[in-house]
PDB file of all heavy atoms in Angstrom:
ATOM      1  N   PRO A   1       3.832   6.961  -8.052  1.00  0.00           N
ATOM      2  CA  PRO A   1       5.082   7.391  -8.648  1.00  0.00           C
ATOM      3  C   PRO A   1       4.866   7.469 -10.205  1.00  0.00           C
ATOM      4  O   PRO A   1       4.080   6.820 -10.804  1.00  0.00           O
ATOM      5  CB  PRO A   1       6.051   6.263  -8.268  1.00  0.00           C
ATOM      6  CG  PRO A   1       5.181   5.102  -7.912  1.00  0.00           C
ATOM      7  CD  PRO A   1       3.912   5.675  -7.412  1.00  0.00           C
ATOM      8  N   PRO A   2       5.813   8.184 -10.894  1.00  0.00           N
ATOM      9  CA  PRO A   2       5.710   8.402 -12.335  1.00  0.00           C
ATOM     10  C   PRO A   2       6.198   7.198 -13.112  1.00  0.00           C
ATOM     11  O   PRO A   2       6.488   7.290 -14.267  1.00  0.00           O
ATOM     12  CB  PRO A   2       6.473   9.645 -12.596  1.00  0.00           C
ATOM     13  CG  PRO A   2       7.615   9.701 -11.442  1.00  0.00           C
ATOM     14  CD  PRO A   2       6.821   9.032 -10.279  1.00  0.00           C
ATOM     15  N   ASP A   3       6.416   6.048 -12.460  1.00  0.00           N
ATOM     16  CA  ASP A   3       6.958   4.807 -13.032  1.00  0.00           C
ATOM     17  C   ASP A   3       5.917   4.296 -14.014  1.00  0.00           C
ATOM     18  O   ASP A   3       4.766   4.694 -14.002  1.00  0.00           O
ATOM     19  CB  ASP A   3       7.198   3.759 -11.961  1.00  0.00           C
ATOM     20  CG  ASP A   3       8.170   4.231 -10.983  1.00  0.00           C
ATOM     21  OD1 ASP A   3       8.987   5.131 -11.192  1.00  0.00           O
ATOM     22  OD2 ASP A   3       8.173   3.631  -9.797  1.00  0.00           O
ATOM     23  N   ASP A   4       6.389   3.420 -14.949  1.00  0.00           N
ATOM     24  CA  ASP A   4       5.439   2.770 -15.872  1.00  0.00           C
ATOM     25  C   ASP A   4       4.578   1.795 -15.049  1.00  0.00           C
ATOM     26  O   ASP A   4       5.105   0.791 -14.574  1.00  0.00           O
ATOM     27  CB  ASP A   4       6.242   2.048 -16.893  1.00  0.00           C
ATOM     28  CG  ASP A   4       5.312   1.234 -17.882  1.00  0.00           C
ATOM     29  OD1 ASP A   4       4.111   1.352 -17.839  1.00  0.00           O
ATOM     30  OD2 ASP A   4       5.938   0.472 -18.636  1.00  0.00           O
ATOM     31  N   LEU A   5       3.250   2.030 -14.933  1.00  0.00           N
ATOM     32  CA  LEU A   5       2.377   1.203 -14.161  1.00  0.00           C
ATOM     33  C   LEU A   5       1.571   0.353 -15.083  1.00  0.00           C
ATOM     34  O   LEU A   5       0.547  -0.288 -14.719  1.00  0.00           O
ATOM     35  CB  LEU A   5       1.493   2.033 -13.314  1.00  0.00           C
ATOM     36  CG  LEU A   5       2.154   3.021 -12.345  1.00  0.00           C
ATOM     37  CD1 LEU A   5       1.219   3.816 -11.569  1.00  0.00           C
ATOM     38  CD2 LEU A   5       2.901   2.098 -11.285  1.00  0.00           C
ATOM     39  N   SER A   6       1.955   0.137 -16.270  1.00  0.00           N
ATOM     40  CA  SER A   6       1.111  -0.631 -17.313  1.00  0.00           C
ATOM     41  C   SER A   6       1.062  -2.157 -16.838  1.00  0.00           C
ATOM     42  O   SER A   6       0.099  -2.756 -17.311  1.00  0.00           O
ATOM     43  CB  SER A   6       1.770  -0.569 -18.730  1.00  0.00           C
ATOM     44  OG  SER A   6       3.038  -1.051 -18.756  1.00  0.00           O
ATOM     45  N   GLN A   7       1.881  -2.603 -16.099  1.00  0.00           N
ATOM     46  CA  GLN A   7       1.863  -4.002 -15.650  1.00  0.00           C
ATOM     47  C   GLN A   7       1.194  -4.201 -14.340  1.00  0.00           C
ATOM     48  O   GLN A   7       0.992  -5.347 -13.773  1.00  0.00           O
ATOM     49  CB  GLN A   7       3.343  -4.542 -15.556  1.00  0.00           C
ATOM     50  CG  GLN A   7       4.034  -4.515 -16.927  1.00  0.00           C
ATOM     51  CD  GLN A   7       3.381  -5.314 -18.034  1.00  0.00           C
ATOM     52  OE1 GLN A   7       2.899  -6.456 -17.862  1.00  0.00           O
ATOM     53  NE2 GLN A   7       3.091  -4.673 -19.068  1.00  0.00           N
ATOM     54  N   VAL A   8       0.785  -3.091 -13.683  1.00  0.00           N
ATOM     55  CA  VAL A   8       0.119  -3.176 -12.358  1.00  0.00           C
ATOM     56  C   VAL A   8      -1.313  -3.622 -12.570  1.00  0.00           C
ATOM     57  O   VAL A   8      -2.077  -3.046 -13.332  1.00  0.00           O
ATOM     58  CB  VAL A   8       0.168  -1.811 -11.627  1.00  0.00           C
ATOM     59  CG1 VAL A   8      -0.551  -1.915 -10.343  1.00  0.00           C
ATOM     60  CG2 VAL A   8       1.597  -1.560 -11.357  1.00  0.00           C
ATOM     61  N   ASP A   9      -1.799  -4.659 -11.923  1.00  0.00           N
ATOM     62  CA  ASP A   9      -3.207  -5.169 -12.061  1.00  0.00           C
ATOM     63  C   ASP A   9      -4.064  -4.773 -10.905  1.00  0.00           C
ATOM     64  O   ASP A   9      -5.218  -4.966 -10.971  1.00  0.00           O
ATOM     65  CB  ASP A   9      -3.258  -6.604 -12.389  1.00  0.00           C
ATOM     66  CG  ASP A   9      -2.846  -7.467 -11.244  1.00  0.00           C
ATOM     67  OD1 ASP A   9      -2.241  -6.899 -10.340  1.00  0.00           O
ATOM     68  OD2 ASP A   9      -3.060  -8.661 -11.246  1.00  0.00           O
ATOM     69  N   HIS A  10      -3.496  -4.299  -9.834  1.00  0.00           N
ATOM     70  CA  HIS A  10      -4.272  -3.915  -8.659  1.00  0.00           C
ATOM     71  C   HIS A  10      -3.470  -3.001  -7.704  1.00  0.00           C
ATOM     72  O   HIS A  10      -2.201  -3.013  -7.746  1.00  0.00           O
ATOM     73  CB  HIS A  10      -4.791  -5.083  -7.882  1.00  0.00           C
ATOM     74  CG  HIS A  10      -3.790  -5.814  -7.047  1.00  0.00           C
ATOM     75  ND1 HIS A  10      -2.945  -6.740  -7.665  1.00  0.00           N
ATOM     76  CD2 HIS A  10      -3.454  -5.755  -5.768  1.00  0.00           C
ATOM     77  CE1 HIS A  10      -2.089  -7.219  -6.711  1.00  0.00           C
ATOM     78  NE2 HIS A  10      -2.425  -6.663  -5.546  1.00  0.00           N
ATOM     79  N   LEU A  11      -4.230  -2.323  -6.868  1.00  0.00           N
ATOM     80  CA  LEU A  11      -3.654  -1.573  -5.768  1.00  0.00           C
ATOM     81  C   LEU A  11      -4.235  -2.048  -4.459  1.00  0.00           C
ATOM     82  O   LEU A  11      -5.454  -2.334  -4.432  1.00  0.00           O
ATOM     83  CB  LEU A  11      -3.952  -0.063  -5.883  1.00  0.00           C
ATOM     84  CG  LEU A  11      -3.298   0.689  -7.112  1.00  0.00           C
ATOM     85  CD1 LEU A  11      -3.893   2.103  -7.103  1.00  0.00           C
ATOM     86  CD2 LEU A  11      -1.899   0.623  -7.035  1.00  0.00           C
ATOM     87  N   ALA A  12      -3.437  -2.270  -3.427  1.00  0.00           N
ATOM     88  CA  ALA A  12      -3.906  -2.601  -2.106  1.00  0.00           C
ATOM     89  C   ALA A  12      -3.779  -1.453  -1.142  1.00  0.00           C
ATOM     90  O   ALA A  12      -2.617  -0.932  -1.117  1.00  0.00           O
ATOM     91  CB  ALA A  12      -3.236  -3.878  -1.569  1.00  0.00           C
ATOM     92  N   ILE A  13      -4.789  -1.055  -0.494  1.00  0.00           N
ATOM     93  CA  ILE A  13      -4.785   0.134   0.275  1.00  0.00           C
ATOM     94  C   ILE A  13      -5.088  -0.299   1.749  1.00  0.00           C
ATOM     95  O   ILE A  13      -6.121  -0.966   2.026  1.00  0.00           O
ATOM     96  CB  ILE A  13      -5.848   1.148  -0.119  1.00  0.00           C
ATOM     97  CG1 ILE A  13      -5.578   1.548  -1.595  1.00  0.00           C
ATOM     98  CG2 ILE A  13      -5.844   2.453   0.744  1.00  0.00           C
ATOM     99  CD1 ILE A  13      -6.591   2.336  -2.331  1.00  0.00           C
ATOM    100  N   GLY A  14      -4.252   0.142   2.682  1.00  0.00           N
ATOM    101  CA  GLY A  14      -4.475  -0.178   4.138  1.00  0.00           C
ATOM    102  C   GLY A  14      -3.862   0.906   4.998  1.00  0.00           C
ATOM    103  O   GLY A  14      -3.215   1.790   4.416  1.00  0.00           O
ATOM    104  N   LEU A  15      -4.127   0.838   6.285  1.00  0.00           N
ATOM    105  CA  LEU A  15      -3.577   1.715   7.224  1.00  0.00           C
ATOM    106  C   LEU A  15      -2.555   1.132   8.069  1.00  0.00           C
ATOM    107  O   LEU A  15      -2.633  -0.123   8.357  1.00  0.00           O
ATOM    108  CB  LEU A  15      -4.686   2.287   8.092  1.00  0.00           C
ATOM    109  CG  LEU A  15      -5.807   3.200   7.437  1.00  0.00           C
ATOM    110  CD1 LEU A  15      -6.831   3.471   8.428  1.00  0.00           C
ATOM    111  CD2 LEU A  15      -5.128   4.438   6.961  1.00  0.00           C
ATOM    112  N   TYR A  16      -1.531   1.776   8.471  1.00  0.00           N
ATOM    113  CA  TYR A  16      -0.421   1.310   9.349  1.00  0.00           C
ATOM    114  C   TYR A  16      -0.379   1.963  10.548  1.00  0.00           C
ATOM    115  O   TYR A  16      -0.573   3.215  10.709  1.00  0.00           O
ATOM    116  CB  TYR A  16       0.834   1.372   8.482  1.00  0.00           C
ATOM    117  CG  TYR A  16       0.851   0.485   7.280  1.00  0.00           C
ATOM    118  CD1 TYR A  16       0.381   0.841   6.139  1.00  0.00           C
ATOM    119  CD2 TYR A  16       1.548  -0.674   7.429  1.00  0.00           C
ATOM    120  CE1 TYR A  16       0.323   0.036   5.049  1.00  0.00           C
ATOM    121  CE2 TYR A  16       1.638  -1.644   6.295  1.00  0.00           C
ATOM    122  CZ  TYR A  16       1.057  -1.202   5.033  1.00  0.00           C
ATOM    123  OH  TYR A  16       1.038  -2.020   4.107  1.00  0.00           O
ATOM    124  N   ASP A  17       0.163   1.252  11.621  1.00  0.00           N
ATOM    125  CA  ASP A  17       0.470   1.840  12.876  1.00  0.00           C
ATOM    126  C   ASP A  17       1.770   2.762  12.637  1.00  0.00           C
ATOM    127  O   ASP A  17       2.785   2.119  12.136  1.00  0.00           O
ATOM    128  CB  ASP A  17       0.739   0.800  13.967  1.00  0.00           C
ATOM    129  CG  ASP A  17       1.083   1.323  15.296  1.00  0.00           C
ATOM    130  OD1 ASP A  17       2.068   2.098  15.430  1.00  0.00           O
ATOM    131  OD2 ASP A  17       0.318   1.053  16.295  1.00  0.00           O
ATOM    132  N   SER A  18       1.778   4.007  12.962  1.00  0.00           N
ATOM    133  CA  SER A  18       2.921   4.824  12.745  1.00  0.00           C
ATOM    134  C   SER A  18       4.174   4.526  13.518  1.00  0.00           C
ATOM    135  O   SER A  18       5.271   4.941  13.254  1.00  0.00           O
ATOM    136  CB  SER A  18       2.585   6.384  12.861  1.00  0.00           C
ATOM    137  OG  SER A  18       2.186   6.541  14.234  1.00  0.00           O
ATOM    138  N   ILE A  19       3.942   3.786  14.723  1.00  0.00           N
ATOM    139  CA  ILE A  19       5.140   3.436  15.521  1.00  0.00           C
ATOM    140  C   ILE A  19       5.713   2.148  15.137  1.00  0.00           C
ATOM    141  O   ILE A  19       7.001   1.941  14.978  1.00  0.00           O
ATOM    142  CB  ILE A  19       4.678   3.439  16.999  1.00  0.00           C
ATOM    143  CG1 ILE A  19       4.241   4.879  17.385  1.00  0.00           C
ATOM    144  CG2 ILE A  19       5.762   2.962  17.839  1.00  0.00           C
ATOM    145  CD1 ILE A  19       3.613   5.050  18.824  1.00  0.00           C
ATOM    146  N   THR A  20       4.812   1.105  14.934  1.00  0.00           N
ATOM    147  CA  THR A  20       5.350  -0.221  14.606  1.00  0.00           C
ATOM    148  C   THR A  20       5.439  -0.595  13.100  1.00  0.00           C
ATOM    149  O   THR A  20       6.039  -1.506  12.730  1.00  0.00           O
ATOM    150  CB  THR A  20       4.439  -1.301  15.224  1.00  0.00           C
ATOM    151  OG1 THR A  20       3.087  -1.235  14.649  1.00  0.00           O
ATOM    152  CG2 THR A  20       4.309  -1.047  16.699  1.00  0.00           C
ATOM    153  N   ASN A  21       4.810   0.289  12.268  1.00  0.00           N
ATOM    154  CA  ASN A  21       4.693   0.086  10.850  1.00  0.00           C
ATOM    155  C   ASN A  21       3.900  -1.299  10.560  1.00  0.00           C
ATOM    156  O   ASN A  21       4.030  -1.767   9.422  1.00  0.00           O
ATOM    157  CB  ASN A  21       6.035   0.009  10.175  1.00  0.00           C
ATOM    158  CG  ASN A  21       6.560   1.446  10.035  1.00  0.00           C
ATOM    159  OD1 ASN A  21       5.942   2.414   9.869  1.00  0.00           O
ATOM    160  ND2 ASN A  21       7.886   1.554  10.184  1.00  0.00           N
ATOM    161  N   GLU A  22       3.202  -1.689  11.505  1.00  0.00           N
ATOM    162  CA  GLU A  22       2.295  -2.964  11.172  1.00  0.00           C
ATOM    163  C   GLU A  22       0.962  -2.524  10.632  1.00  0.00           C
ATOM    164  O   GLU A  22       0.534  -1.448  11.025  1.00  0.00           O
ATOM    165  CB  GLU A  22       2.088  -3.715  12.524  1.00  0.00           C
ATOM    166  CG  GLU A  22       3.308  -4.339  12.988  1.00  0.00           C
ATOM    167  CD  GLU A  22       3.019  -5.224  14.279  1.00  0.00           C
ATOM    168  OE1 GLU A  22       1.881  -5.756  14.434  1.00  0.00           O
ATOM    169  OE2 GLU A  22       3.935  -5.304  15.080  1.00  0.00           O
ATOM    170  N   ARG A  23       0.415  -3.330   9.680  1.00  0.00           N
ATOM    171  CA  ARG A  23      -0.777  -2.852   9.094  1.00  0.00           C
ATOM    172  C   ARG A  23      -1.934  -3.131  10.063  1.00  0.00           C
ATOM    173  O   ARG A  23      -1.943  -4.142  10.775  1.00  0.00           O
ATOM    174  CB  ARG A  23      -1.026  -3.769   7.845  1.00  0.00           C
ATOM    175  CG  ARG A  23      -2.286  -3.345   7.136  1.00  0.00           C
ATOM    176  CD  ARG A  23      -2.486  -3.980   5.727  1.00  0.00           C
ATOM    177  NE  ARG A  23      -1.678  -3.371   4.807  1.00  0.00           N
ATOM    178  CZ  ARG A  23      -1.556  -3.807   3.561  1.00  0.00           C
ATOM    179  NH1 ARG A  23      -2.264  -4.830   3.082  1.00  0.00           N
ATOM    180  NH2 ARG A  23      -0.723  -3.233   2.721  1.00  0.00           N
ATOM    181  N   LEU A  24      -2.865  -2.242  10.103  1.00  0.00           N
ATOM    182  CA  LEU A  24      -4.005  -2.337  11.012  1.00  0.00           C
ATOM    183  C   LEU A  24      -5.077  -3.151  10.478  1.00  0.00           C
ATOM    184  O   LEU A  24      -5.215  -3.292   9.364  1.00  0.00           O
ATOM    185  CB  LEU A  24      -4.509  -0.923  11.423  1.00  0.00           C
ATOM    186  CG  LEU A  24      -3.484   0.071  12.072  1.00  0.00           C
ATOM    187  CD1 LEU A  24      -4.107   1.460  12.079  1.00  0.00           C
ATOM    188  CD2 LEU A  24      -3.166  -0.449  13.407  1.00  0.00           C
ATOM    189  N   PRO A  25      -5.848  -3.737  11.380  1.00  0.00           N
ATOM    190  CA  PRO A  25      -6.943  -4.631  10.919  1.00  0.00           C
ATOM    191  C   PRO A  25      -7.928  -3.814  10.016  1.00  0.00           C
ATOM    192  O   PRO A  25      -8.170  -2.552  10.326  1.00  0.00           O
ATOM    193  CB  PRO A  25      -7.652  -5.078  12.207  1.00  0.00           C
ATOM    194  CG  PRO A  25      -6.676  -4.944  13.243  1.00  0.00           C
ATOM    195  CD  PRO A  25      -5.781  -3.838  12.836  1.00  0.00           C
ATOM    196  N   ALA A  26      -8.503  -4.336   9.024  1.00  0.00           N
ATOM    197  CA  ALA A  26      -9.505  -3.666   8.182  1.00  0.00           C
ATOM    198  C   ALA A  26     -10.664  -4.650   7.921  1.00  0.00           C
ATOM    199  O   ALA A  26     -10.450  -5.753   7.747  1.00  0.00           O
ATOM    200  CB  ALA A  26      -8.823  -3.304   6.806  1.00  0.00           C
TER     201      ALA A  26
END
């Protein structure tokens, strides 16, 4: 998003089940 990300120190990337919206094991 075009928000101010200057305070963001990390991004977490994962996959989700499209039906339950639960994060899948990685």
